[in-house]
C-alpha atoms as a PDB file:
ATOM      1  CA  MET A   1     128.623  60.915  96.825  1.00  0.00           C
ATOM      2  CA  GLU A   2     126.995  60.003 100.128  1.00  0.00           C
ATOM      3  CA  LYS A   3     123.342  59.148 100.452  1.00  0.00           C
ATOM      4  CA  CYS A   4     121.249  61.862 102.091  1.00  0.00           C
ATOM      5  CA  ASP A   5     119.373  60.398 105.065  1.00  0.00           C
ATOM      6  CA  CYS A   6     116.955  63.328 104.901  1.00  0.00           C
ATOM      7  CA  LEU A   7     115.413  61.770 101.783  1.00  0.00           C
ATOM      8  CA  ASP A   8     114.688  58.418 103.442  1.00  0.00           C
ATOM      9  CA  ALA A   9     111.477  59.696 105.043  1.00  0.00           C
ATOM     10  CA  ILE A  10     110.244  60.913 101.658  1.00  0.00           C
ATOM     11  CA  PHE A  11     111.227  57.722  99.856  1.00  0.00           C
ATOM     12  CA  ALA A  12     109.379  55.661 102.484  1.00  0.00           C
ATOM     13  CA  SER A  13     106.111  56.911 100.959  1.00  0.00           C
ATOM     14  CA  TYR A  14     106.957  55.434  97.539  1.00  0.00           C
ATOM     15  CA  ARG A  15     107.754  52.073  95.940  1.00  0.00           C
ATOM     16  CA  GLY A  16     110.737  53.359  93.965  1.00  0.00           C
ATOM     17  CA  GLU A  17     109.182  52.865  90.560  1.00  0.00           C
ATOM     18  CA  ARG A  18     109.852  54.926  87.454  1.00  0.00           C
ATOM     19  CA  ASP A  19     106.284  56.222  87.211  1.00  0.00           C
ATOM     20  CA  GLU A  20     106.727  57.894  90.609  1.00  0.00           C
ATOM     21  CA  LEU A  21     109.496  60.197  89.366  1.00  0.00           C
ATOM     22  CA  ILE A  22     107.453  63.398  89.080  1.00  0.00           C
ATOM     23  CA  PRO A  23     105.556  62.937  92.378  1.00  0.00           C
ATOM     24  CA  ILE A  24     108.872  62.268  94.136  1.00  0.00           C
ATOM     25  CA  LEU A  25     110.458  65.356  92.557  1.00  0.00           C
ATOM     26  CA  GLN A  26     107.440  67.388  93.701  1.00  0.00           C
ATOM     27  CA  HIS A  27     107.598  65.946  97.219  1.00  0.00           C
ATOM     28  CA  VAL A  28     111.326  66.647  97.578  1.00  0.00           C
ATOM     29  CA  GLN A  29     110.930  70.203  96.310  1.00  0.00           C
ATOM     30  CA  SER A  30     107.972  70.752  98.622  1.00  0.00           C
ATOM     31  CA  GLU A  31     110.101  69.639 101.557  1.00  0.00           C
ATOM     32  CA  PHE A  32     113.333  71.474 100.729  1.00  0.00           C
ATOM     33  CA  GLY A  33     112.205  74.324  98.459  1.00  0.00           C
ATOM     34  CA  TYR A  34     114.281  73.191  95.490  1.00  0.00           C
ATOM     35  CA  LEU A  35     115.928  70.145  93.906  1.00  0.00           C
ATOM     36  CA  SER A  36     119.600  69.903  94.793  1.00  0.00           C
ATOM     37  CA  GLU A  37     122.052  67.969  92.654  1.00  0.00           C
ATOM     38  CA  ASN A  38     122.433  65.402  95.433  1.00  0.00           C
ATOM     39  CA  ALA A  39     118.667  64.973  95.749  1.00  0.00           C
ATOM     40  CA  MET A  40     118.310  64.428  92.003  1.00  0.00           C
ATOM     41  CA  LEU A  41     121.050  61.776  92.080  1.00  0.00           C
ATOM     42  CA  GLU A  42     119.379  60.010  95.003  1.00  0.00           C
ATOM     43  CA  ILE A  43     115.996  60.152  93.252  1.00  0.00           C
ATOM     44  CA  ALA A  44     117.601  58.580  90.179  1.00  0.00           C
ATOM     45  CA  ARG A  45     119.027  55.754  92.297  1.00  0.00           C
ATOM     46  CA  PHE A  46     115.757  55.213  94.149  1.00  0.00           C
ATOM     47  CA  THR A  47     113.546  55.103  91.049  1.00  0.00           C
ATOM     48  CA  GLY A  48     115.999  53.309  88.787  1.00  0.00           C
ATOM     49  CA  VAL A  49     115.726  56.168  86.292  1.00  0.00           C
ATOM     50  CA  PRO A  50     119.135  57.018  84.807  1.00  0.00           C
ATOM     51  CA  GLN A  51     120.567  60.296  86.076  1.00  0.00           C
ATOM     52  CA  SER A  52     120.316  61.668  82.558  1.00  0.00           C
ATOM     53  CA  GLY A  53     116.600  60.837  82.602  1.00  0.00           C
ATOM     54  CA  VAL A  54     115.993  62.752  85.820  1.00  0.00           C
ATOM     55  CA  TYR A  55     118.017  65.680  84.477  1.00  0.00           C
ATOM     56  CA  ALA A  56     115.972  65.575  81.268  1.00  0.00           C
ATOM     57  CA  VAL A  57     112.558  65.396  82.958  1.00  0.00           C
ATOM     58  CA  ALA A  58     112.884  67.910  85.817  1.00  0.00           C
ATOM     59  CA  PRO A  59     113.874  70.987  83.755  1.00  0.00           C
ATOM     60  CA  PHE A  60     111.013  70.322  81.338  1.00  0.00           C
ATOM     61  CA  TYR A  61     108.518  71.391  84.020  1.00  0.00           C
ATOM     62  CA  ALA A  62     108.530  75.056  85.050  1.00  0.00           C
ATOM     63  CA  GLN A  63     107.449  74.122  88.582  1.00  0.00           C
ATOM     64  CA  PHE A  64     110.851  72.725  89.524  1.00  0.00           C
ATOM     65  CA  ARG A  65     113.620  74.877  90.982  1.00  0.00           C
ATOM     66  CA  PHE A  66     117.293  73.966  91.074  1.00  0.00           C
ATOM     67  CA  THR A  67     118.533  76.686  93.382  1.00  0.00           C
ATOM     68  CA  PRO A  68     117.277  77.567  96.860  1.00  0.00           C
ATOM     69  CA  ILE A  69     114.591  80.202  97.183  1.00  0.00           C
ATOM     70  CA  GLY A  70     114.831  83.005  99.698  1.00  0.00           C
ATOM     71  CA  ARG A  71     113.186  83.005 103.097  1.00  0.00           C
ATOM     72  CA  THR A  72     110.985  85.752 101.682  1.00  0.00           C
ATOM     73  CA  HIS A  73     109.749  84.611  98.290  1.00  0.00           C
ATOM     74  CA  ILE A  74     108.235  87.461  96.276  1.00  0.00           C
ATOM     75  CA  THR A  75     105.977  86.679  93.342  1.00  0.00           C
ATOM     76  CA  VAL A  76     104.906  89.463  90.992  1.00  0.00           C
ATOM     77  CA  CYS A  77     101.731  88.977  88.998  1.00  0.00           C
ATOM     78  CA  ARG A  78     102.143  89.776  85.303  1.00  0.00           C
ATOM     79  CA  GLY A  79      98.532  89.084  84.324  1.00  0.00           C
ATOM     80  CA  THR A  80      96.661  91.547  82.137  1.00  0.00           C
ATOM     81  CA  ALA A  81      94.957  93.508  84.937  1.00  0.00           C
ATOM     82  CA  CYS A  82      98.195  93.802  86.914  1.00  0.00           C
ATOM     83  CA  HIS A  83     100.217  94.652  83.816  1.00  0.00           C
ATOM     84  CA  VAL A  84      97.854  97.451  82.797  1.00  0.00           C
ATOM     85  CA  ARG A  85      97.882  98.864  86.319  1.00  0.00           C
ATOM     86  CA  GLY A  86     101.665  98.978  86.678  1.00  0.00           C
ATOM     87  CA  ALA A  87     103.148  95.534  87.361  1.00  0.00           C
ATOM     88  CA  PRO A  88     106.223  96.262  85.198  1.00  0.00           C
ATOM     89  CA  ARG A  89     107.064  99.255  87.423  1.00  0.00           C
ATOM     90  CA  ILE A  90     106.456  97.149  90.533  1.00  0.00           C
ATOM     91  CA  LEU A  91     108.840  94.465  89.272  1.00  0.00           C
ATOM     92  CA  GLU A  92     111.433  97.086  88.346  1.00  0.00           C
ATOM     93  CA  GLU A  93     111.268  98.595  91.851  1.00  0.00           C
ATOM     94  CA  ILE A  94     111.630  95.222  93.557  1.00  0.00           C
ATOM     95  CA  GLU A  95     114.629  94.387  91.368  1.00  0.00           C
ATOM     96  CA  LYS A  96     116.171  97.769  92.214  1.00  0.00           C
ATOM     97  CA  GLN A  97     115.538  97.415  95.965  1.00  0.00           C
ATOM     98  CA  LEU A  98     116.834  93.842  96.188  1.00  0.00           C
ATOM     99  CA  GLY A  99     119.622  94.093  93.633  1.00  0.00           C
ATOM    100  CA  ILE A 100     118.451  90.947  91.836  1.00  0.00           C
ATOM    101  CA  GLN A 101     116.554  90.151  88.667  1.00  0.00           C
ATOM    102  CA  GLU A 102     113.445  88.043  88.233  1.00  0.00           C
ATOM    103  CA  GLY A 103     114.332  84.386  88.784  1.00  0.00           C
ATOM    104  CA  GLU A 104     117.183  85.176  91.183  1.00  0.00           C
ATOM    105  CA  THR A 105     117.787  84.914  94.923  1.00  0.00           C
ATOM    106  CA  THR A 106     119.803  87.356  97.017  1.00  0.00           C
ATOM    107  CA  PRO A 107     123.222  85.993  98.065  1.00  0.00           C
ATOM    108  CA  ASP A 108     122.125  85.943 101.731  1.00  0.00           C
ATOM    109  CA  LEU A 109     119.106  83.737 100.732  1.00  0.00           C
ATOM    110  CA  GLU A 110     116.789  86.303 102.321  1.00  0.00           C
ATOM    111  CA  TYR A 111     114.799  87.166  99.158  1.00  0.00           C
ATOM    112  CA  SER A 112     113.912  85.501  95.890  1.00  0.00           C
ATOM    113  CA  LEU A 113     111.896  86.992  93.069  1.00  0.00           C
ATOM    114  CA  GLU A 114     109.757  85.478  90.348  1.00  0.00           C
ATOM    115  CA  THR A 115     106.837  86.401  88.132  1.00  0.00           C
ATOM    116  CA  VAL A 116     103.730  84.380  87.384  1.00  0.00           C
ATOM    117  CA  ALA A 117     101.134  84.639  84.648  1.00  0.00           C
ATOM    118  CA  CYS A 118      98.337  85.366  87.137  1.00  0.00           C
ATOM    119  CA  ILE A 119      97.894  85.264  90.895  1.00  0.00           C
ATOM    120  CA  GLY A 120      94.115  85.196  90.524  1.00  0.00           C
ATOM    121  CA  ALA A 121      93.407  88.406  92.406  1.00  0.00           C
ATOM    122  CA  CYS A 122      92.657  90.686  89.462  1.00  0.00           C
ATOM    123  CA  GLY A 123      90.346  92.941  91.475  1.00  0.00           C
ATOM    124  CA  LEU A 124      93.289  93.757  93.745  1.00  0.00           C
ATOM    125  CA  SER A 125      95.703  94.588  90.934  1.00  0.00           C
ATOM    126  CA  PRO A 126      98.477  95.261  90.727  1.00  0.00           C
ATOM    127  CA  CYS A 127      99.425  92.692  93.320  1.00  0.00           C
ATOM    128  CA  ILE A 128     102.347  90.651  94.515  1.00  0.00           C
ATOM    129  CA  MET A 129     102.657  87.756  96.918  1.00  0.00           C
ATOM    130  CA  THR A 130     105.210  87.424  99.674  1.00  0.00           C
ATOM    131  CA  ASN A 131     105.374  83.867 100.978  1.00  0.00           C
ATOM    132  CA  GLN A 132     101.820  83.198  99.739  1.00  0.00           C
ATOM    133  CA  LYS A 133     100.364  86.405 101.281  1.00  0.00           C
ATOM    134  CA  VAL A 134      98.767  88.691  98.678  1.00  0.00           C
ATOM    135  CA  LEU A 135      99.671  92.377  98.853  1.00  0.00           C
ATOM    136  CA  ALA A 136      97.104  94.434  96.921  1.00  0.00           C
ATOM    137  CA  LYS A 137      97.088  97.642  94.898  1.00  0.00           C
ATOM    138  CA  MET A 138     100.855  97.888  94.943  1.00  0.00           C
ATOM    139  CA  THR A 139     102.841 100.896  93.821  1.00  0.00           C
ATOM    140  CA  PRO A 140     106.600 101.333  93.579  1.00  0.00           C
ATOM    141  CA  ARG A 141     106.411 103.422  96.768  1.00  0.00           C
ATOM    142  CA  LYS A 142     104.502 100.675  98.637  1.00  0.00           C
ATOM    143  CA  VAL A 143     107.130  98.167  97.484  1.00  0.00           C
ATOM    144  CA  ALA A 144     109.949 100.340  98.829  1.00  0.00           C
ATOM    145  CA  GLU A 145     108.102 100.833 102.145  1.00  0.00           C
ATOM    146  CA  SER A 146     107.329  97.117 102.453  1.00  0.00           C
ATOM    147  CA  LEU A 147     110.929  96.098 101.822  1.00  0.00           C
ATOM    148  CA  ALA A 148     112.200  98.787 104.210  1.00  0.00           C
ATOM    149  CA  LYS A 149     109.998  97.308 106.960  1.00  0.00           C
ATOM    150  CA  GLY A 150     111.542  93.942 106.197  1.00  0.00           C
ATOM    151  CA  GLY A 151     115.007  95.376 106.823  1.00  0.00           C
ATOM    152  CA  ARG A 152     115.984  95.945 103.193  1.00  0.00           C
ATOM    153  CA  LYS A 153     117.648  99.253 102.182  1.00  0.00           C
END
């Protein structure tokens, strides 16, 4: 497997020590949106952590992704206020419109969908985020309209 030159700039910020594993994983994911198999192998080589160690550590943390996220990343809040005000219906409508389930990305890499425990905008519930922009007081109809504007269905 060839070394990815795109990681050199990231590695330049580190000493290559084992205790830097998580910050390096975070940095790589921040740069590329996910941790590819090649990136994880290169991180193992750079830090001296066995590949099995990197593959054991990364999945332990919910923050790490191992598949690319869509250009439009939709996050549905499932906190108490959002749940009570209809978040399950919102999630169901998004899944229906996009043809994917929570945790998946559309085959064209245009959309990805996830849920979080709380967005922190309870007064705006139910809410979702699209690429870090909060959309407030959502309804299934607003979801359908929003996705239609974005060129979906």
